[in-house]
Amino acid sequence: MPINVEAMRIARLTVAERLELIEQIWNSLPEGVEPGEVPPAHLAEFARWRAEAQAQPGVGKPWREVLGRLEPVS
């Protein structure tokens, strides 16, 4: 069975149902992956991002800082 939105009838789900499905899929992933499980194009993109970040130190923000702004305030 092909893995795509049409074949899996995901398009018929509501936005809330799709988000729940994304969460379930994300939670089902293992903690770590073997290098052979990551597509070469993804590894190339990660390498590009890293090179870009190293070429421009101080331009971005640490992920913890960004994540902290996304956390709900009690």
PDB file of N, CA and C in Angstrom:
ATOM      1  N   MET A   1       0.849  -1.177   0.000  1.00  0.00           N
ATOM      2  CA  MET A   1       0.000   0.000   0.000  1.00  0.00           C
ATOM      3  C   MET A   1       0.895   1.241   0.000  1.00  0.00           C
ATOM      4  N   PRO A   2       0.649   2.149  -0.941  1.00  0.00           N
ATOM      5  CA  PRO A   2       1.457   3.370  -0.960  1.00  0.00           C
ATOM      6  C   PRO A   2       1.175   4.230   0.268  1.00  0.00           C
ATOM      7  N   ILE A   3       2.207   4.914   0.718  1.00  0.00           N
ATOM      8  CA  ILE A   3       2.043   5.785   1.882  1.00  0.00           C
ATOM      9  C   ILE A   3       1.881   7.211   1.375  1.00  0.00           C
ATOM     10  N   ASN A   4       0.647   7.649   1.279  1.00  0.00           N
ATOM     11  CA  ASN A   4       0.365   9.029   0.928  1.00  0.00           C
ATOM     12  C   ASN A   4      -1.005   9.418   1.470  1.00  0.00           C
ATOM     13  N   VAL A   5      -1.264  10.700   1.486  1.00  0.00           N
ATOM     14  CA  VAL A   5      -2.482  11.228   2.100  1.00  0.00           C
ATOM     15  C   VAL A   5      -3.730  10.640   1.453  1.00  0.00           C
ATOM     16  N   GLU A   6      -3.713  10.525   0.129  1.00  0.00           N
ATOM     17  CA  GLU A   6      -4.897  10.011  -0.567  1.00  0.00           C
ATOM     18  C   GLU A   6      -5.139   8.535  -0.264  1.00  0.00           C
ATOM     19  N   ALA A   7      -4.085   7.736  -0.371  1.00  0.00           N
ATOM     20  CA  ALA A   7      -4.230   6.295  -0.157  1.00  0.00           C
ATOM     21  C   ALA A   7      -4.648   5.976   1.271  1.00  0.00           C
ATOM     22  N   MET A   8      -4.182   6.771   2.221  1.00  0.00           N
ATOM     23  CA  MET A   8      -4.496   6.509   3.619  1.00  0.00           C
ATOM     24  C   MET A   8      -5.752   7.258   4.074  1.00  0.00           C
ATOM     25  N   ARG A   9      -6.352   8.002   3.180  1.00  0.00           N
ATOM     26  CA  ARG A   9      -7.593   8.746   3.444  1.00  0.00           C
ATOM     27  C   ARG A   9      -7.428   9.751   4.585  1.00  0.00           C
ATOM     28  N   ILE A  10      -6.236  10.298   4.714  1.00  0.00           N
ATOM     29  CA  ILE A  10      -5.968  11.286   5.757  1.00  0.00           C
ATOM     30  C   ILE A  10      -6.676  12.591   5.453  1.00  0.00           C
ATOM     31  N   ALA A  11      -6.851  12.900   4.181  1.00  0.00           N
ATOM     32  CA  ALA A  11      -7.480  14.160   3.783  1.00  0.00           C
ATOM     33  C   ALA A  11      -8.900  14.291   4.328  1.00  0.00           C
ATOM     34  N   ARG A  12      -9.535  13.186   4.645  1.00  0.00           N
ATOM     35  CA  ARG A  12     -10.921  13.254   5.152  1.00  0.00           C
ATOM     36  C   ARG A  12     -10.975  13.601   6.641  1.00  0.00           C
ATOM     37  N   LEU A  13      -9.826  13.563   7.319  1.00  0.00           N
ATOM     38  CA  LEU A  13      -9.790  13.855   8.745  1.00  0.00           C
ATOM     39  C   LEU A  13      -9.867  15.363   8.988  1.00  0.00           C
ATOM     40  N   THR A  14     -10.383  15.732  10.132  1.00  0.00           N
ATOM     41  CA  THR A  14     -10.397  17.133  10.524  1.00  0.00           C
ATOM     42  C   THR A  14      -8.978  17.545  10.912  1.00  0.00           C
ATOM     43  N   VAL A  15      -8.767  18.840  11.051  1.00  0.00           N
ATOM     44  CA  VAL A  15      -7.450  19.324  11.467  1.00  0.00           C
ATOM     45  C   VAL A  15      -7.085  18.738  12.831  1.00  0.00           C
ATOM     46  N   ALA A  16      -8.025  18.745  13.764  1.00  0.00           N
ATOM     47  CA  ALA A  16      -7.755  18.202  15.098  1.00  0.00           C
ATOM     48  C   ALA A  16      -7.383  16.716  15.019  1.00  0.00           C
ATOM     49  N   GLU A  17      -8.066  15.966  14.166  1.00  0.00           N
ATOM     50  CA  GLU A  17      -7.770  14.535  14.017  1.00  0.00           C
ATOM     51  C   GLU A  17      -6.390  14.334  13.392  1.00  0.00           C
ATOM     52  N   ARG A  18      -6.028  15.179  12.435  1.00  0.00           N
ATOM     53  CA  ARG A  18      -4.706  15.075  11.810  1.00  0.00           C
ATOM     54  C   ARG A  18      -3.603  15.372  12.823  1.00  0.00           C
ATOM     55  N   LEU A  19      -3.823  16.405  13.633  1.00  0.00           N
ATOM     56  CA  LEU A  19      -2.825  16.738  14.654  1.00  0.00           C
ATOM     57  C   LEU A  19      -2.672  15.605  15.663  1.00  0.00           C
ATOM     58  N   GLU A  20      -3.784  14.989  16.038  1.00  0.00           N
ATOM     59  CA  GLU A  20      -3.732  13.838  16.947  1.00  0.00           C
ATOM     60  C   GLU A  20      -2.964  12.690  16.293  1.00  0.00           C
ATOM     61  N   LEU A  21      -3.196  12.466  15.010  1.00  0.00           N
ATOM     62  CA  LEU A  21      -2.484  11.411  14.282  1.00  0.00           C
ATOM     63  C   LEU A  21      -0.986  11.702  14.238  1.00  0.00           C
ATOM     64  N   ILE A  22      -0.630  12.960  13.980  1.00  0.00           N
ATOM     65  CA  ILE A  22       0.786  13.347  13.973  1.00  0.00           C
ATOM     66  C   ILE A  22       1.409  13.049  15.326  1.00  0.00           C
ATOM     67  N   GLU A  23       0.711  13.417  16.399  1.00  0.00           N
ATOM     68  CA  GLU A  23       1.230  13.171  17.744  1.00  0.00           C
ATOM     69  C   GLU A  23       1.414  11.675  17.999  1.00  0.00           C
ATOM     70  N   GLN A  24       0.440  10.884  17.570  1.00  0.00           N
ATOM     71  CA  GLN A  24       0.547   9.439  17.779  1.00  0.00           C
ATOM     72  C   GLN A  24       1.720   8.860  17.001  1.00  0.00           C
ATOM     73  N   ILE A  25       1.903   9.320  15.769  1.00  0.00           N
ATOM     74  CA  ILE A  25       3.026   8.832  14.960  1.00  0.00           C
ATOM     75  C   ILE A  25       4.339   9.258  15.603  1.00  0.00           C
ATOM     76  N   TRP A  26       4.419  10.531  16.014  1.00  0.00           N
ATOM     77  CA  TRP A  26       5.655  11.035  16.649  1.00  0.00           C
ATOM     78  C   TRP A  26       5.989  10.217  17.891  1.00  0.00           C
ATOM     79  N   ASN A  27       4.991   9.957  18.725  1.00  0.00           N
ATOM     80  CA  ASN A  27       5.208   9.207  19.965  1.00  0.00           C
ATOM     81  C   ASN A  27       5.580   7.748  19.713  1.00  0.00           C
ATOM     82  N   SER A  28       5.265   7.244  18.530  1.00  0.00           N
ATOM     83  CA  SER A  28       5.576   5.850  18.220  1.00  0.00           C
ATOM     84  C   SER A  28       7.003   5.669  17.711  1.00  0.00           C
ATOM     85  N   LEU A  29       7.703   6.767  17.423  1.00  0.00           N
ATOM     86  CA  LEU A  29       9.066   6.668  16.913  1.00  0.00           C
ATOM     87  C   LEU A  29      10.020   6.252  18.023  1.00  0.00           C
ATOM     88  N   PRO A  30      11.049   5.502  17.667  1.00  0.00           N
ATOM     89  CA  PRO A  30      12.028   5.113  18.681  1.00  0.00           C
ATOM     90  C   PRO A  30      12.852   6.313  19.126  1.00  0.00           C
ATOM     91  N   GLU A  31      13.480   6.197  20.289  1.00  0.00           N
ATOM     92  CA  GLU A  31      14.318   7.272  20.832  1.00  0.00           C
ATOM     93  C   GLU A  31      15.463   7.617  19.884  1.00  0.00           C
ATOM     94  N   GLY A  32      16.053   6.627  19.305  1.00  0.00           N
ATOM     95  CA  GLY A  32      17.187   6.847  18.404  1.00  0.00           C
ATOM     96  C   GLY A  32      16.970   6.108  17.103  1.00  0.00           C
ATOM     97  N   VAL A  33      17.661   6.539  16.083  1.00  0.00           N
ATOM     98  CA  VAL A  33      17.581   5.862  14.791  1.00  0.00           C
ATOM     99  C   VAL A  33      18.996   5.535  14.325  1.00  0.00           C
ATOM    100  N   GLU A  34      19.097   4.499  13.568  1.00  0.00           N
ATOM    101  CA  GLU A  34      20.370   4.108  12.987  1.00  0.00           C
ATOM    102  C   GLU A  34      20.645   5.011  11.782  1.00  0.00           C
ATOM    103  N   PRO A  35      21.900   5.324  11.526  1.00  0.00           N
ATOM    104  CA  PRO A  35      22.208   6.191  10.380  1.00  0.00           C
ATOM    105  C   PRO A  35      21.612   5.702   9.059  1.00  0.00           C
ATOM    106  N   GLY A  36      21.536   4.402   8.884  1.00  0.00           N
ATOM    107  CA  GLY A  36      20.974   3.858   7.652  1.00  0.00           C
ATOM    108  C   GLY A  36      19.484   4.105   7.497  1.00  0.00           C
ATOM    109  N   GLU A  37      18.809   4.498   8.584  1.00  0.00           N
ATOM    110  CA  GLU A  37      17.368   4.740   8.534  1.00  0.00           C
ATOM    111  C   GLU A  37      17.029   6.171   8.112  1.00  0.00           C
ATOM    112  N   VAL A  38      18.037   7.042   8.065  1.00  0.00           N
ATOM    113  CA  VAL A  38      17.811   8.434   7.689  1.00  0.00           C
ATOM    114  C   VAL A  38      18.131   8.586   6.204  1.00  0.00           C
ATOM    115  N   PRO A  39      17.169   9.099   5.421  1.00  0.00           N
ATOM    116  CA  PRO A  39      17.423   9.248   3.986  1.00  0.00           C
ATOM    117  C   PRO A  39      18.624  10.167   3.721  1.00  0.00           C
ATOM    118  N   PRO A  40      19.432   9.851   2.721  1.00  0.00           N
ATOM    119  CA  PRO A  40      20.605  10.664   2.403  1.00  0.00           C
ATOM    120  C   PRO A  40      20.276  12.143   2.178  1.00  0.00           C
ATOM    121  N   ALA A  41      19.141  12.431   1.589  1.00  0.00           N
ATOM    122  CA  ALA A  41      18.767  13.832   1.354  1.00  0.00           C
ATOM    123  C   ALA A  41      18.576  14.575   2.670  1.00  0.00           C
ATOM    124  N   HIS A  42      18.054  13.892   3.692  1.00  0.00           N
ATOM    125  CA  HIS A  42      17.882  14.519   5.007  1.00  0.00           C
ATOM    126  C   HIS A  42      19.239  14.786   5.652  1.00  0.00           C
ATOM    127  N   LEU A  43      20.148  13.824   5.540  1.00  0.00           N
ATOM    128  CA  LEU A  43      21.483  14.008   6.100  1.00  0.00           C
ATOM    129  C   LEU A  43      22.193  15.178   5.423  1.00  0.00           C
ATOM    130  N   ALA A  44      22.024  15.300   4.109  1.00  0.00           N
ATOM    131  CA  ALA A  44      22.631  16.413   3.372  1.00  0.00           C
ATOM    132  C   ALA A  44      22.054  17.742   3.841  1.00  0.00           C
ATOM    133  N   GLU A  45      20.752  17.781   4.077  1.00  0.00           N
ATOM    134  CA  GLU A  45      20.117  19.019   4.549  1.00  0.00           C
ATOM    135  C   GLU A  45      20.601  19.373   5.949  1.00  0.00           C
ATOM    136  N   PHE A  46      20.726  18.392   6.825  1.00  0.00           N
ATOM    137  CA  PHE A  46      21.261  18.640   8.166  1.00  0.00           C
ATOM    138  C   PHE A  46      22.678  19.201   8.079  1.00  0.00           C
ATOM    139  N   ALA A  47      23.494  18.630   7.198  1.00  0.00           N
ATOM    140  CA  ALA A  47      24.871  19.106   7.035  1.00  0.00           C
ATOM    141  C   ALA A  47      24.878  20.548   6.526  1.00  0.00           C
ATOM    142  N   ARG A  48      23.971  20.865   5.618  1.00  0.00           N
ATOM    143  CA  ARG A  48      23.872  22.229   5.092  1.00  0.00           C
ATOM    144  C   ARG A  48      23.496  23.201   6.205  1.00  0.00           C
ATOM    145  N   TRP A  49      22.505  22.821   7.027  1.00  0.00           N
ATOM    146  CA  TRP A  49      22.077  23.670   8.150  1.00  0.00           C
ATOM    147  C   TRP A  49      23.231  23.905   9.119  1.00  0.00           C
ATOM    148  N   ARG A  50      23.959  22.838   9.430  1.00  0.00           N
ATOM    149  CA  ARG A  50      25.072  22.952  10.371  1.00  0.00           C
ATOM    150  C   ARG A  50      26.149  23.883   9.811  1.00  0.00           C
ATOM    151  N   ALA A  51      26.491  23.712   8.534  1.00  0.00           N
ATOM    152  CA  ALA A  51      27.506  24.567   7.917  1.00  0.00           C
ATOM    153  C   ALA A  51      27.051  26.024   7.917  1.00  0.00           C
ATOM    154  N   GLU A  52      25.793  26.252   7.620  1.00  0.00           N
ATOM    155  CA  GLU A  52      25.247  27.608   7.617  1.00  0.00           C
ATOM    156  C   GLU A  52      25.317  28.224   9.015  1.00  0.00           C
ATOM    157  N   ALA A  53      24.968  27.459  10.022  1.00  0.00           N
ATOM    158  CA  ALA A  53      25.003  27.944  11.404  1.00  0.00           C
ATOM    159  C   ALA A  53      26.439  28.234  11.836  1.00  0.00           C
ATOM    160  N   GLN A  54      27.376  27.373  11.459  1.00  0.00           N
ATOM    161  CA  GLN A  54      28.771  27.578  11.835  1.00  0.00           C
ATOM    162  C   GLN A  54      29.382  28.772  11.108  1.00  0.00           C
ATOM    163  N   ALA A  55      28.889  29.058   9.906  1.00  0.00           N
ATOM    164  CA  ALA A  55      29.402  30.193   9.132  1.00  0.00           C
ATOM    165  C   ALA A  55      28.893  31.524   9.663  1.00  0.00           C
ATOM    166  N   GLN A  56      27.791  31.489  10.426  1.00  0.00           N
ATOM    167  CA  GLN A  56      27.185  32.718  10.941  1.00  0.00           C
ATOM    168  C   GLN A  56      26.908  32.575  12.435  1.00  0.00           C
ATOM    169  N   PRO A  57      27.935  32.413  13.250  1.00  0.00           N
ATOM    170  CA  PRO A  57      27.685  32.244  14.688  1.00  0.00           C
ATOM    171  C   PRO A  57      27.017  33.487  15.270  1.00  0.00           C
ATOM    172  N   GLY A  58      26.101  33.257  16.172  1.00  0.00           N
ATOM    173  CA  GLY A  58      25.413  34.368  16.829  1.00  0.00           C
ATOM    174  C   GLY A  58      24.190  34.880  16.103  1.00  0.00           C
ATOM    175  N   VAL A  59      23.926  34.412  14.883  1.00  0.00           N
ATOM    176  CA  VAL A  59      22.767  34.891  14.132  1.00  0.00           C
ATOM    177  C   VAL A  59      21.484  34.274  14.675  1.00  0.00           C
ATOM    178  N   GLY A  60      21.502  32.997  14.975  1.00  0.00           N
ATOM    179  CA  GLY A  60      20.312  32.314  15.472  1.00  0.00           C
ATOM    180  C   GLY A  60      20.204  32.401  16.981  1.00  0.00           C
ATOM    181  N   LYS A  61      19.201  31.712  17.499  1.00  0.00           N
ATOM    182  CA  LYS A  61      18.983  31.649  18.941  1.00  0.00           C
ATOM    183  C   LYS A  61      19.036  30.178  19.364  1.00  0.00           C
ATOM    184  N   PRO A  62      19.520  29.913  20.565  1.00  0.00           N
ATOM    185  CA  PRO A  62      19.520  28.534  21.053  1.00  0.00           C
ATOM    186  C   PRO A  62      18.093  27.986  21.096  1.00  0.00           C
ATOM    187  N   TRP A  63      17.943  26.713  20.786  1.00  0.00           N
ATOM    188  CA  TRP A  63      16.592  26.140  20.713  1.00  0.00           C
ATOM    189  C   TRP A  63      15.883  26.208  22.050  1.00  0.00           C
ATOM    190  N   ARG A  64      16.621  26.103  23.142  1.00  0.00           N
ATOM    191  CA  ARG A  64      15.983  26.177  24.469  1.00  0.00           C
ATOM    192  C   ARG A  64      15.350  27.548  24.694  1.00  0.00           C
ATOM    193  N   GLU A  65      15.997  28.599  24.202  1.00  0.00           N
ATOM    194  CA  GLU A  65      15.449  29.943  24.339  1.00  0.00           C
ATOM    195  C   GLU A  65      14.149  30.085  23.541  1.00  0.00           C
ATOM    196  N   VAL A  66      14.162  29.595  22.340  1.00  0.00           N
ATOM    197  CA  VAL A  66      12.965  29.661  21.493  1.00  0.00           C
ATOM    198  C   VAL A  66      11.855  28.808  22.106  1.00  0.00           C
ATOM    199  N   LEU A  67      12.194  27.601  22.530  1.00  0.00           N
ATOM    200  CA  LEU A  67      11.214  26.701  23.119  1.00  0.00           C
ATOM    201  C   LEU A  67      10.609  27.318  24.375  1.00  0.00           C
ATOM    202  N   GLY A  68      11.433  27.988  25.170  1.00  0.00           N
ATOM    203  CA  GLY A  68      10.944  28.632  26.387  1.00  0.00           C
ATOM    204  C   GLY A  68       9.854  29.643  26.114  1.00  0.00           C
ATOM    205  N   ARG A  69       9.938  30.333  24.984  1.00  0.00           N
ATOM    206  CA  ARG A  69       8.896  31.308  24.634  1.00  0.00           C
ATOM    207  C   ARG A  69       7.603  30.626  24.189  1.00  0.00           C
ATOM    208  N   LEU A  70       7.693  29.361  23.824  1.00  0.00           N
ATOM    209  CA  LEU A  70       6.515  28.638  23.365  1.00  0.00           C
ATOM    210  C   LEU A  70       5.775  27.935  24.518  1.00  0.00           C
ATOM    211  N   GLU A  71       6.451  27.778  25.642  1.00  0.00           N
ATOM    212  CA  GLU A  71       5.852  27.102  26.781  1.00  0.00           C
ATOM    213  C   GLU A  71       4.718  27.938  27.354  1.00  0.00           C
ATOM    214  N   PRO A  72       3.603  27.320  27.721  1.00  0.00           N
ATOM    215  CA  PRO A  72       2.503  28.084  28.321  1.00  0.00           C
ATOM    216  C   PRO A  72       2.901  28.651  29.679  1.00  0.00           C
ATOM    217  N   VAL A  73       2.431  29.823  29.961  1.00  0.00           N
ATOM    218  CA  VAL A  73       2.700  30.472  31.247  1.00  0.00           C
ATOM    219  C   VAL A  73       1.597  30.088  32.208  1.00  0.00           C
ATOM    220  N   SER A  74       1.975  29.645  33.395  1.00  0.00           N
ATOM    221  CA  SER A  74       0.980  29.203  34.386  1.00  0.00           C
ATOM    222  C   SER A  74       0.368  30.373  35.107  1.00  0.00           C
TER     223      SER A  74
END
